[in-house]
């Protein structure tokens, strides 16, 4: 049988290579979405805490440093998300929920109902981040990437 230049020799291998390339692009997009979600969470937490300090009229360098700790942790997790997206989202969720529980304990339960709109936005961002992280992990396993 003669080999024509018009006919590809290995159609299946070419198809898989194209599929793998598309999946790698989707993986990069999902990791970027997870990372950006963590950056947005960090900015939202810092902004709402800064607003709370401004309303209480206690904006000082020490208080700004104190409220910057959790956002800095979230920024660090955003960089971890490039390698381990699900782990980064789990740690972020634990930090946020821990912060909410601490605030409820300190305020005697008032924090459970205060700021419910921001809490809903944060919960949405965590859920969206988990979805992106799970998809990225699924693609990594499918492509046998580490």
Protein backbone atom coordinates (compact mmCIF):
# COMPACT_ATOMS: atom_id res chain seq x y z
CA UNK A 1 0.00 0.00 0.00
CA UNK A 2 1.34 3.39 -0.95
CA UNK A 3 1.49 6.32 1.45
CA UNK A 4 -0.33 9.39 0.12
CA UNK A 5 0.73 12.78 1.46
CA UNK A 6 -2.94 13.79 1.65
CA UNK A 7 -3.77 11.05 4.18
CA UNK A 8 -2.46 11.19 7.77
CA UNK A 9 -0.77 8.01 8.93
CA UNK A 10 -1.88 7.99 12.55
CA UNK A 11 -5.23 9.68 12.96
CA UNK A 12 -5.77 8.49 16.55
CA UNK A 13 -2.40 9.80 17.78
CA UNK A 14 -3.01 13.16 16.11
CA UNK A 15 -6.48 13.35 17.66
CA UNK A 16 -5.15 12.55 21.15
CA UNK A 17 -2.34 15.11 20.80
CA UNK A 18 -4.91 17.76 19.89
CA UNK A 19 -7.14 16.71 22.79
CA UNK A 20 -4.20 16.79 25.23
CA UNK A 21 -3.24 20.28 24.04
CA UNK A 22 -6.80 21.54 24.55
CA UNK A 23 -6.95 19.94 28.02
CA UNK A 24 -3.65 21.60 28.98
CA UNK A 25 -5.10 24.95 27.94
CA UNK A 26 -8.26 24.27 29.97
CA UNK A 27 -6.08 23.25 32.94
CA UNK A 28 -4.22 26.56 32.78
CA UNK A 29 -7.52 28.46 32.64
CA UNK A 30 -9.01 26.56 35.62
CA UNK A 31 -5.87 27.09 37.72
CA UNK A 32 -5.91 30.80 36.83
CA UNK A 33 -9.59 31.03 37.83
CA UNK A 34 -8.84 29.32 41.17
CA UNK A 35 -5.91 31.66 41.80
CA UNK A 36 -7.94 34.74 40.87
CA UNK A 37 -10.77 33.63 43.17
CA UNK A 38 -8.32 33.53 46.07
CA UNK A 39 -6.98 36.99 45.16
CA UNK A 40 -10.55 38.34 45.08
CA UNK A 41 -11.28 36.72 48.45
CA UNK A 42 -8.17 38.35 49.93
CA UNK A 43 -9.16 41.78 48.61
CA UNK A 44 -12.75 41.36 49.81
CA UNK A 45 -11.72 40.29 53.31
CA UNK A 46 -9.23 43.15 53.60
CA UNK A 47 -11.71 45.70 52.24
CA UNK A 48 -14.54 44.68 54.55
CA UNK A 49 -12.24 44.62 57.58
CA UNK A 50 -10.84 48.03 56.68
CA UNK A 51 -14.38 49.37 56.33
CA UNK A 52 -15.26 47.95 59.76
CA UNK A 53 -12.21 49.66 61.25
CA UNK A 54 -13.15 52.95 59.61
CA UNK A 55 -16.71 52.74 60.95
CA UNK A 56 -15.36 52.00 64.44
CA UNK A 57 -12.84 54.86 64.02
CA UNK A 58 -9.85 52.71 65.02
CA UNK A 59 -7.75 52.87 61.87
CA UNK A 60 -4.14 52.73 63.06
CA UNK A 61 -1.03 51.06 61.65
CA UNK A 62 -1.26 48.25 64.19
CA UNK A 63 -4.90 47.50 63.39
CA UNK A 64 -4.22 47.61 59.64
CA UNK A 65 -1.38 45.13 60.16
CA UNK A 66 -3.70 42.88 62.18
CA UNK A 67 -6.40 42.82 59.51
CA UNK A 68 -3.80 42.19 56.78
CA UNK A 69 -2.80 38.79 58.18
CA UNK A 70 -5.71 36.78 56.76
CA UNK A 71 -5.59 38.45 53.31
CA UNK A 72 -1.84 37.78 53.15
CA UNK A 73 -2.51 34.11 53.95
CA UNK A 74 -5.08 34.02 51.13
CA UNK A 75 -2.58 35.59 48.72
CA UNK A 76 -0.05 32.92 49.71
CA UNK A 77 -2.69 30.26 49.05
CA UNK A 78 -3.29 31.78 45.61
CA UNK A 79 0.32 31.03 44.75
CA UNK A 80 -0.05 27.50 46.16
CA UNK A 81 -3.08 27.03 43.91
CA UNK A 82 -0.84 26.83 40.85
CA UNK A 83 0.45 23.46 42.12
CA UNK A 84 -2.30 22.17 44.44
CA UNK A 85 -5.58 23.99 43.72
CA UNK A 86 -7.88 21.81 45.86
CA UNK A 87 -5.55 21.96 48.86
CA UNK A 88 -5.36 25.75 48.58
CA UNK A 89 -9.16 26.05 48.45
CA UNK A 90 -9.62 23.71 51.43
CA UNK A 91 -7.20 25.75 53.53
CA UNK A 92 -8.88 28.99 52.42
CA UNK A 93 -12.32 27.65 53.37
CA UNK A 94 -11.05 26.53 56.79
CA UNK A 95 -9.50 29.96 57.40
CA UNK A 96 -12.68 31.83 56.40
CA UNK A 97 -15.00 29.57 58.42
CA UNK A 98 -12.63 29.73 61.39
CA UNK A 99 -12.65 33.51 61.17
CA UNK A 100 -16.46 33.55 61.09
CA UNK A 101 -16.69 31.23 64.11
CA UNK A 102 -14.18 33.36 66.01
CA UNK A 103 -16.17 36.53 65.23
CA UNK A 104 -19.41 34.88 66.36
CA UNK A 105 -17.76 33.79 69.60
CA UNK A 106 -16.28 37.25 70.27
CA UNK A 107 -19.47 39.19 69.52
CA UNK A 108 -21.77 36.83 71.35
CA UNK A 109 -23.64 35.73 68.24
CA UNK A 110 -24.25 39.12 66.65
CA UNK A 111 -21.66 38.41 63.94
CA UNK A 112 -23.80 35.51 62.72
CA UNK A 113 -26.31 37.94 61.22
CA UNK A 114 -24.09 40.99 60.67
CA UNK A 115 -22.65 41.28 57.18
CA UNK A 116 -24.71 38.45 55.74
CA UNK A 117 -24.45 39.84 52.20
CA UNK A 118 -20.64 39.83 52.27
CA UNK A 119 -20.70 36.35 53.81
CA UNK A 120 -22.91 35.17 50.97
CA UNK A 121 -20.51 36.62 48.38
CA UNK A 122 -17.55 34.99 50.15
CA UNK A 123 -19.38 31.65 50.30
CA UNK A 124 -20.15 31.92 46.57
CA UNK A 125 -16.49 32.65 45.80
CA UNK A 126 -15.34 29.66 47.86
CA UNK A 127 -17.79 27.34 46.09
CA UNK A 128 -16.76 28.69 42.67
CA UNK A 129 -13.09 28.29 43.59
CA UNK A 130 -13.71 24.69 44.61
CA UNK A 131 -15.40 23.96 41.28
CA UNK A 132 -12.45 25.36 39.34
CA UNK A 133 -9.96 23.54 41.57
CA UNK A 134 -11.77 20.20 41.19
CA UNK A 135 -11.84 20.57 37.41
CA UNK A 136 -8.12 21.42 37.35
CA UNK A 137 -7.33 18.37 39.50
CA UNK A 138 -9.45 16.13 37.27
CA UNK A 139 -7.59 17.30 34.17
CA UNK A 140 -4.22 16.85 35.90
CA UNK A 141 -5.10 13.24 36.73
CA UNK A 142 -6.41 12.63 33.22
CA UNK A 143 -3.20 13.89 31.64
CA UNK A 144 -1.00 12.23 34.29
CA UNK A 145 0.59 15.55 35.26
CA UNK A 146 2.07 16.25 38.67
